Amino acid sequence: WVQERGLHLGTYAMTTFPKRSQIKRYGAQGPWPATGHRNRLRNTGVAQAQFNLATLDRVGLKSDFMWVDVEPYPVAPWTSNRKNNKAVLDGVLRGYRDAGLDVGF
C-alpha cells in the first residue's frame, strides 16, 4: 500500500543488551576486531541489526529508515555500565547505516 502510493515507510526495532551466549556466538563476527569486550559487544549489535534487516527482506518490507527502540526490557535488561551499553548501540547503528538506512531513537 505504501509503495503503491510512493510514500516513505519507517520501520521500528527493539534493541537489547546481548546475553552471554549471543556475545560468544556473534562477538568475533563483524567489522570490529574481536579484541576486547566492547568490540565484541559492538559486533553483537551489528548482528542484531543484520537479523532485523534479514527479517524485513524475508517479508518484503522495504524501508529507508529504522527507529531504534532502547528501553529496559525485563527479558534482556541493559547493564548499569553505560560504555558497554553504548558499544551495543554503536554496533546496531553501524549495522543499519551500512545497509543504507537512516536511524533515529
Protein backbone atom coordinates (compact mmCIF):
# COMPACT_ATOMS: atom_id res chain seq x y z
CA TRP A 1 0.00 0.00 0.00
CA VAL A 2 2.80 2.41 0.95
CA GLN A 3 4.85 1.55 -2.14
CA GLU A 4 1.85 1.89 -4.44
CA ARG A 5 1.34 5.46 -3.24
CA GLY A 6 5.02 6.43 -3.32
CA LEU A 7 5.13 7.07 0.41
CA HIS A 8 8.07 6.63 2.75
CA LEU A 9 7.99 3.84 5.29
CA GLY A 10 9.84 3.85 8.59
CA THR A 11 10.47 0.67 10.50
CA TYR A 12 10.95 0.07 14.21
CA ALA A 13 13.20 -2.40 16.02
CA MET A 14 13.71 -3.22 19.65
CA THR A 15 17.35 -3.27 20.67
CA THR A 16 18.53 -5.23 23.68
CA PHE A 17 21.72 -5.89 25.57
CA PRO A 18 23.01 -9.27 24.38
CA LYS A 19 23.14 -12.33 26.56
CA ARG A 20 26.48 -14.07 27.14
CA SER A 21 25.61 -16.77 24.62
CA GLN A 22 24.94 -14.12 21.96
CA ILE A 23 28.22 -12.35 22.67
CA LYS A 24 30.01 -15.69 22.40
CA ARG A 25 28.27 -16.52 19.12
CA TYR A 26 28.46 -13.13 17.35
CA GLY A 27 31.22 -11.21 19.14
CA ALA A 28 34.00 -12.37 16.83
CA GLN A 29 31.99 -11.67 13.65
CA GLY A 30 31.69 -8.16 12.34
CA PRO A 31 33.61 -5.04 11.43
CA TRP A 32 35.44 -4.66 14.74
CA PRO A 33 38.36 -6.91 15.71
CA ALA A 34 37.28 -9.31 18.45
CA THR A 35 39.85 -7.85 20.80
CA GLY A 36 38.28 -6.61 23.98
CA HIS A 37 34.82 -6.95 25.39
CA ARG A 38 33.45 -3.70 23.93
CA ASN A 39 34.38 -4.64 20.37
CA ARG A 40 32.59 -7.96 20.83
CA LEU A 41 29.57 -6.03 22.10
CA ARG A 42 29.72 -3.79 19.01
CA ASN A 43 29.85 -6.81 16.71
CA THR A 44 26.89 -8.34 18.53
CA GLY A 45 24.98 -5.10 17.96
CA VAL A 46 25.74 -5.33 14.24
CA ALA A 47 24.37 -8.89 14.30
CA GLN A 48 21.11 -7.63 15.86
CA ALA A 49 20.71 -5.11 13.05
CA GLN A 50 21.53 -7.72 10.40
CA PHE A 51 18.95 -10.11 11.85
CA ASN A 52 16.28 -7.41 11.71
CA LEU A 53 17.25 -6.42 8.17
CA ALA A 54 17.12 -10.05 7.03
CA THR A 55 13.65 -10.33 8.55
CA LEU A 56 12.50 -7.23 6.66
CA ASP A 57 13.90 -8.68 3.43
CA ARG A 58 12.25 -12.04 4.05
CA VAL A 59 8.79 -10.47 4.35
CA GLY A 60 9.38 -7.99 1.51
CA LEU A 61 9.27 -4.85 3.65
CA LYS A 62 11.42 -2.07 2.19
CA SER A 63 12.36 0.88 4.34
CA ASP A 64 14.94 3.62 4.29
CA PHE A 65 14.56 4.48 7.98
CA MET A 66 14.82 2.49 11.21
CA TRP A 67 13.60 3.67 14.59
CA VAL A 68 15.85 2.10 17.23
CA ASP A 69 13.90 1.44 20.42
CA VAL A 70 16.01 1.38 23.59
CA GLU A 71 14.03 0.53 26.71
CA PRO A 72 14.56 -1.52 29.87
CA TYR A 73 13.23 -4.91 28.74
CA PRO A 74 12.72 -7.46 31.52
CA VAL A 75 13.90 -10.35 29.29
CA ALA A 76 17.12 -8.63 28.19
CA PRO A 77 17.93 -5.78 30.57
CA TRP A 78 20.58 -3.19 29.86
CA THR A 79 23.55 -3.04 32.21
CA SER A 80 24.50 -0.25 34.57
CA ASN A 81 27.69 0.18 32.51
CA ARG A 82 26.90 2.96 30.05
CA LYS A 83 30.04 2.38 27.96
CA ASN A 84 29.08 -1.25 27.38
CA ASN A 85 25.50 -0.25 26.54
CA LYS A 86 26.79 2.37 24.11
CA ALA A 87 29.05 -0.22 22.46
CA VAL A 88 25.99 -2.34 21.61
CA LEU A 89 24.19 0.72 20.23
CA ASP A 90 27.26 1.70 18.18
CA GLY A 91 27.10 -1.71 16.55
CA VAL A 92 23.36 -1.57 15.95
CA LEU A 93 23.64 1.86 14.33
CA ARG A 94 26.51 0.76 12.15
CA GLY A 95 24.56 -2.29 11.01
CA TYR A 96 21.63 -0.19 9.85
CA ARG A 97 23.74 2.60 8.39
CA ASP A 98 25.96 0.15 6.47
CA ALA A 99 22.75 -1.15 4.91
CA GLY A 100 21.89 2.37 3.78
CA LEU A 101 19.22 3.19 6.35
CA ASP A 102 18.88 6.40 8.30
CA VAL A 103 18.26 5.87 12.01
CA GLY A 104 16.57 7.58 14.91
CA PHE A 105 15.84 6.76 18.55
